[in-house]
């Protein structure tokens, strides 16, 4: 048995929830849009609608991705445009290629401050996602004598926190 007062209270609570939900989502979209424009401007890239859309998607993904995954997420953008955009982002060090031992070419957002540094990656054996591990200094890895090292690419494998928690 629900009274009129209970029903109106429920409706008010429901409206407050949805208002908050839409405000949060709109705020997130606005922040990622602003971050996308800022990221492209800082690197000297003219922020077109497609470039902003791709950068927003890269920011929200949070892990390394393939061209096919990006194409599925942005189904209104054709593959060649995505490839050219990702290539431009790589040239300006907004993203970099990840070699995780699979045959797939992966891209990952580069969050280096100032000088570009090498990265260490972690590939989850359960979900297959590859993550860039931040705050690890790869310059301490010894270089072989006589070789000129231009880039270091290290990949760790195991279970990511989400998959590890599912097994617990």
C-alpha atoms as a PDB file:
ATOM      1  CA  UNK A   1       0.000   0.000   0.000  1.00  0.00           C
ATOM      2  CA  UNK A   2       1.594   3.266  -1.194  1.00  0.00           C
ATOM      3  CA  UNK A   3       0.196   6.599  -0.116  1.00  0.00           C
ATOM      4  CA  UNK A   4       0.151   9.742  -2.235  1.00  0.00           C
ATOM      5  CA  UNK A   5       2.808  11.328  -0.008  1.00  0.00           C
ATOM      6  CA  UNK A   6       5.078   8.292  -0.434  1.00  0.00           C
ATOM      7  CA  UNK A   7       4.566   8.374  -4.191  1.00  0.00           C
ATOM      8  CA  UNK A   8       5.413  12.099  -4.453  1.00  0.00           C
ATOM      9  CA  UNK A   9       8.502  11.596  -2.239  1.00  0.00           C
ATOM     10  CA  UNK A  10       9.614   8.723  -4.467  1.00  0.00           C
ATOM     11  CA  UNK A  11       9.091  10.856  -7.590  1.00  0.00           C
ATOM     12  CA  UNK A  12      11.133  13.717  -6.071  1.00  0.00           C
ATOM     13  CA  UNK A  13      13.975  11.365  -5.111  1.00  0.00           C
ATOM     14  CA  UNK A  14      13.881   9.792  -8.566  1.00  0.00           C
ATOM     15  CA  UNK A  15      14.024  13.223 -10.249  1.00  0.00           C
ATOM     16  CA  UNK A  16      16.928  14.299  -8.017  1.00  0.00           C
ATOM     17  CA  UNK A  17      18.799  11.105  -8.909  1.00  0.00           C
ATOM     18  CA  UNK A  18      18.307  11.561 -12.658  1.00  0.00           C
ATOM     19  CA  UNK A  19      19.174  15.261 -12.468  1.00  0.00           C
ATOM     20  CA  UNK A  20      22.414  14.359 -10.681  1.00  0.00           C
ATOM     21  CA  UNK A  21      23.122  11.509 -13.112  1.00  0.00           C
ATOM     22  CA  UNK A  22      22.670  13.684 -16.211  1.00  0.00           C
ATOM     23  CA  UNK A  23      24.640  16.537 -14.618  1.00  0.00           C
ATOM     24  CA  UNK A  24      27.518  14.140 -13.868  1.00  0.00           C
ATOM     25  CA  UNK A  25      27.490  12.673 -17.384  1.00  0.00           C
ATOM     26  CA  UNK A  26      27.273  16.125 -19.012  1.00  0.00           C
ATOM     27  CA  UNK A  27      30.092  17.391 -16.780  1.00  0.00           C
ATOM     28  CA  UNK A  28      32.270  14.386 -17.705  1.00  0.00           C
ATOM     29  CA  UNK A  29      31.621  14.937 -21.428  1.00  0.00           C
ATOM     30  CA  UNK A  30      32.438  18.621 -21.086  1.00  0.00           C
ATOM     31  CA  UNK A  31      35.675  17.919 -19.184  1.00  0.00           C
ATOM     32  CA  UNK A  32      36.856  15.278 -21.691  1.00  0.00           C
ATOM     33  CA  UNK A  33      35.994  17.637 -24.563  1.00  0.00           C
ATOM     34  CA  UNK A  34      38.000  20.435 -22.966  1.00  0.00           C
ATOM     35  CA  UNK A  35      40.870  18.049 -22.204  1.00  0.00           C
ATOM     36  CA  UNK A  36      40.782  16.779 -25.800  1.00  0.00           C
ATOM     37  CA  UNK A  37      40.987  20.305 -27.202  1.00  0.00           C
ATOM     38  CA  UNK A  38      43.748  21.227 -24.731  1.00  0.00           C
ATOM     39  CA  UNK A  39      45.747  18.076 -25.548  1.00  0.00           C
ATOM     40  CA  UNK A  40      45.587  18.654 -29.308  1.00  0.00           C
ATOM     41  CA  UNK A  41      46.339  22.386 -29.018  1.00  0.00           C
ATOM     42  CA  UNK A  42      49.379  21.800 -26.772  1.00  0.00           C
ATOM     43  CA  UNK A  43      50.861  19.426 -29.324  1.00  0.00           C
ATOM     44  CA  UNK A  44      50.282  21.807 -32.254  1.00  0.00           C
ATOM     45  CA  UNK A  45      47.400  19.880 -33.810  1.00  0.00           C
ATOM     46  CA  UNK A  46      44.409  21.773 -35.157  1.00  0.00           C
ATOM     47  CA  UNK A  47      41.419  20.436 -33.155  1.00  0.00           C
ATOM     48  CA  UNK A  48      38.886  19.330 -35.784  1.00  0.00           C
ATOM     49  CA  UNK A  49      35.615  17.652 -34.788  1.00  0.00           C
ATOM     50  CA  UNK A  50      36.935  14.184 -35.699  1.00  0.00           C
ATOM     51  CA  UNK A  51      40.234  14.688 -33.848  1.00  0.00           C
ATOM     52  CA  UNK A  52      38.411  15.868 -30.727  1.00  0.00           C
ATOM     53  CA  UNK A  53      36.018  12.904 -30.936  1.00  0.00           C
ATOM     54  CA  UNK A  54      38.918  10.437 -31.297  1.00  0.00           C
ATOM     55  CA  UNK A  55      40.900  12.065 -28.469  1.00  0.00           C
ATOM     56  CA  UNK A  56      37.844  11.989 -26.166  1.00  0.00           C
ATOM     57  CA  UNK A  57      37.471   8.281 -26.858  1.00  0.00           C
ATOM     58  CA  UNK A  58      41.176   7.666 -26.175  1.00  0.00           C
ATOM     59  CA  UNK A  59      40.906   9.530 -22.850  1.00  0.00           C
ATOM     60  CA  UNK A  60      37.811   7.601 -21.746  1.00  0.00           C
ATOM     61  CA  UNK A  61      39.198   4.175 -22.743  1.00  0.00           C
ATOM     62  CA  UNK A  62      42.108   4.170 -20.308  1.00  0.00           C
ATOM     63  CA  UNK A  63      43.889   1.192 -21.893  1.00  0.00           C
ATOM     64  CA  UNK A  64      45.694   0.307 -25.119  1.00  0.00           C
ATOM     65  CA  UNK A  65      43.385  -0.318 -28.067  1.00  0.00           C
ATOM     66  CA  UNK A  66      43.448  -1.537 -31.650  1.00  0.00           C
ATOM     67  CA  UNK A  67      42.256   0.356 -34.694  1.00  0.00           C
ATOM     68  CA  UNK A  68      39.355  -2.098 -34.920  1.00  0.00           C
ATOM     69  CA  UNK A  69      38.292  -1.388 -31.316  1.00  0.00           C
ATOM     70  CA  UNK A  70      38.336   2.345 -32.001  1.00  0.00           C
ATOM     71  CA  UNK A  71      36.382   1.798 -35.211  1.00  0.00           C
ATOM     72  CA  UNK A  72      33.716  -0.143 -33.275  1.00  0.00           C
ATOM     73  CA  UNK A  73      33.435   2.597 -30.651  1.00  0.00           C
ATOM     74  CA  UNK A  74      33.280   5.389 -33.251  1.00  0.00           C
ATOM     75  CA  UNK A  75      31.172   3.646 -35.868  1.00  0.00           C
ATOM     76  CA  UNK A  76      30.390   6.931 -37.666  1.00  0.00           C
ATOM     77  CA  UNK A  77      34.065   7.489 -38.536  1.00  0.00           C
ATOM     78  CA  UNK A  78      35.619   5.436 -41.339  1.00  0.00           C
ATOM     79  CA  UNK A  79      38.740   3.345 -40.804  1.00  0.00           C
ATOM     80  CA  UNK A  80      41.062   5.410 -43.021  1.00  0.00           C
ATOM     81  CA  UNK A  81      40.175   8.633 -41.179  1.00  0.00           C
ATOM     82  CA  UNK A  82      40.819   6.929 -37.834  1.00  0.00           C
ATOM     83  CA  UNK A  83      44.147   5.579 -39.087  1.00  0.00           C
ATOM     84  CA  UNK A  84      45.262   9.002 -40.356  1.00  0.00           C
ATOM     85  CA  UNK A  85      44.176  10.631 -37.071  1.00  0.00           C
ATOM     86  CA  UNK A  86      46.031   8.055 -34.954  1.00  0.00           C
ATOM     87  CA  UNK A  87      49.117   8.421 -37.169  1.00  0.00           C
ATOM     88  CA  UNK A  88      49.003  12.205 -36.683  1.00  0.00           C
ATOM     89  CA  UNK A  89      48.606  11.711 -32.924  1.00  0.00           C
ATOM     90  CA  UNK A  90      51.638   9.372 -32.935  1.00  0.00           C
ATOM     91  CA  UNK A  91      53.741  11.917 -34.855  1.00  0.00           C
ATOM     92  CA  UNK A  92      52.872  14.525 -32.208  1.00  0.00           C
ATOM     93  CA  UNK A  93      53.298  12.050 -29.325  1.00  0.00           C
ATOM     94  CA  UNK A  94      49.697  12.112 -28.127  1.00  0.00           C
ATOM     95  CA  UNK A  95      49.604   8.328 -28.559  1.00  0.00           C
ATOM     96  CA  UNK A  96      52.248   5.694 -29.091  1.00  0.00           C
ATOM     97  CA  UNK A  97      52.365   2.164 -30.429  1.00  0.00           C
ATOM     98  CA  UNK A  98      52.420  -0.737 -28.029  1.00  0.00           C
ATOM     99  CA  UNK A  99      54.058  -4.047 -28.841  1.00  0.00           C
ATOM    100  CA  UNK A 100      52.637  -6.601 -26.432  1.00  0.00           C
ATOM    101  CA  UNK A 101      53.659  -9.772 -28.233  1.00  0.00           C
ATOM    102  CA  UNK A 102      50.428 -10.165 -30.170  1.00  0.00           C
ATOM    103  CA  UNK A 103      50.178  -9.520 -33.890  1.00  0.00           C
ATOM    104  CA  UNK A 104      47.742  -6.655 -33.329  1.00  0.00           C
ATOM    105  CA  UNK A 105      49.006  -3.087 -33.515  1.00  0.00           C
ATOM    106  CA  UNK A 106      47.960  -1.347 -30.303  1.00  0.00           C
ATOM    107  CA  UNK A 107      47.777   2.362 -29.529  1.00  0.00           C
ATOM    108  CA  UNK A 108      47.989   3.914 -26.079  1.00  0.00           C
ATOM    109  CA  UNK A 109      47.601   7.483 -24.847  1.00  0.00           C
ATOM    110  CA  UNK A 110      50.942   9.091 -24.063  1.00  0.00           C
ATOM    111  CA  UNK A 111      50.802  11.048 -20.828  1.00  0.00           C
ATOM    112  CA  UNK A 112      54.481  12.028 -20.661  1.00  0.00           C
ATOM    113  CA  UNK A 113      55.166  15.459 -19.248  1.00  0.00           C
ATOM    114  CA  UNK A 114      57.732  17.262 -21.384  1.00  0.00           C
ATOM    115  CA  UNK A 115      60.270  14.775 -22.766  1.00  0.00           C
ATOM    116  CA  UNK A 116      58.843  11.526 -24.133  1.00  0.00           C
ATOM    117  CA  UNK A 117      59.969   8.528 -22.108  1.00  0.00           C
ATOM    118  CA  UNK A 118      59.667   4.794 -22.683  1.00  0.00           C
ATOM    119  CA  UNK A 119      56.819   2.893 -21.099  1.00  0.00           C
ATOM    120  CA  UNK A 120      56.177  -0.395 -19.400  1.00  0.00           C
ATOM    121  CA  UNK A 121      52.926  -2.177 -20.224  1.00  0.00           C
ATOM    122  CA  UNK A 122      50.830  -4.820 -18.555  1.00  0.00           C
ATOM    123  CA  UNK A 123      48.686  -7.229 -20.595  1.00  0.00           C
ATOM    124  CA  UNK A 124      45.944  -9.098 -18.750  1.00  0.00           C
ATOM    125  CA  UNK A 125      45.770 -12.763 -19.728  1.00  0.00           C
ATOM    126  CA  UNK A 126      42.077 -12.903 -18.835  1.00  0.00           C
ATOM    127  CA  UNK A 127      40.449  -9.846 -20.453  1.00  0.00           C
ATOM    128  CA  UNK A 128      43.233  -9.172 -22.982  1.00  0.00           C
ATOM    129  CA  UNK A 129      43.488  -5.449 -22.220  1.00  0.00           C
ATOM    130  CA  UNK A 130      46.903  -3.788 -22.225  1.00  0.00           C
ATOM    131  CA  UNK A 131      47.596  -0.957 -19.770  1.00  0.00           C
ATOM    132  CA  UNK A 132      50.421   1.581 -19.664  1.00  0.00           C
ATOM    133  CA  UNK A 133      52.139   1.417 -16.277  1.00  0.00           C
ATOM    134  CA  UNK A 134      52.970   4.928 -15.126  1.00  0.00           C
ATOM    135  CA  UNK A 135      55.573   6.058 -12.628  1.00  0.00           C
ATOM    136  CA  UNK A 136      58.119   3.403 -13.618  1.00  0.00           C
ATOM    137  CA  UNK A 137      61.509   4.729 -14.688  1.00  0.00           C
ATOM    138  CA  UNK A 138      62.769   2.671 -17.622  1.00  0.00           C
ATOM    139  CA  UNK A 139      66.076   4.558 -17.756  1.00  0.00           C
ATOM    140  CA  UNK A 140      67.372   2.295 -14.970  1.00  0.00           C
ATOM    141  CA  UNK A 141      67.206  -0.737 -17.294  1.00  0.00           C
ATOM    142  CA  UNK A 142      70.811  -1.516 -18.321  1.00  0.00           C
ATOM    143  CA  UNK A 143      71.657  -0.902 -21.986  1.00  0.00           C
ATOM    144  CA  UNK A 144      73.836  -3.381 -23.891  1.00  0.00           C
ATOM    145  CA  UNK A 145      77.357  -2.194 -24.692  1.00  0.00           C
ATOM    146  CA  UNK A 146      77.804  -0.791 -28.192  1.00  0.00           C
ATOM    147  CA  UNK A 147      74.076  -0.449 -28.852  1.00  0.00           C
ATOM    148  CA  UNK A 148      72.198   2.835 -29.174  1.00  0.00           C
ATOM    149  CA  UNK A 149      68.816   2.371 -27.497  1.00  0.00           C
ATOM    150  CA  UNK A 150      66.134   4.641 -28.940  1.00  0.00           C
ATOM    151  CA  UNK A 151      63.114   3.182 -27.165  1.00  0.00           C
ATOM    152  CA  UNK A 152      62.373   0.566 -24.531  1.00  0.00           C
ATOM    153  CA  UNK A 153      59.268  -1.570 -24.694  1.00  0.00           C
ATOM    154  CA  UNK A 154      58.626  -3.882 -21.731  1.00  0.00           C
ATOM    155  CA  UNK A 155      55.470  -5.946 -21.283  1.00  0.00           C
ATOM    156  CA  UNK A 156      54.386  -7.678 -18.089  1.00  0.00           C
ATOM    157  CA  UNK A 157      51.587 -10.252 -18.180  1.00  0.00           C
ATOM    158  CA  UNK A 158      49.196 -11.565 -15.565  1.00  0.00           C
ATOM    159  CA  UNK A 159      45.794 -10.488 -14.252  1.00  0.00           C
ATOM    160  CA  UNK A 160      44.591  -6.907 -14.065  1.00  0.00           C
ATOM    161  CA  UNK A 161      42.931  -5.763 -10.790  1.00  0.00           C
ATOM    162  CA  UNK A 162      39.387  -6.296 -12.152  1.00  0.00           C
ATOM    163  CA  UNK A 163      40.079  -9.854 -13.345  1.00  0.00           C
ATOM    164  CA  UNK A 164      42.076 -10.690 -10.195  1.00  0.00           C
ATOM    165  CA  UNK A 165      39.120  -9.548  -8.031  1.00  0.00           C
ATOM    166  CA  UNK A 166      36.741 -11.710 -10.049  1.00  0.00           C
ATOM    167  CA  UNK A 167      38.844 -14.781  -9.226  1.00  0.00           C
ATOM    168  CA  UNK A 168      38.986 -13.969  -5.497  1.00  0.00           C
END
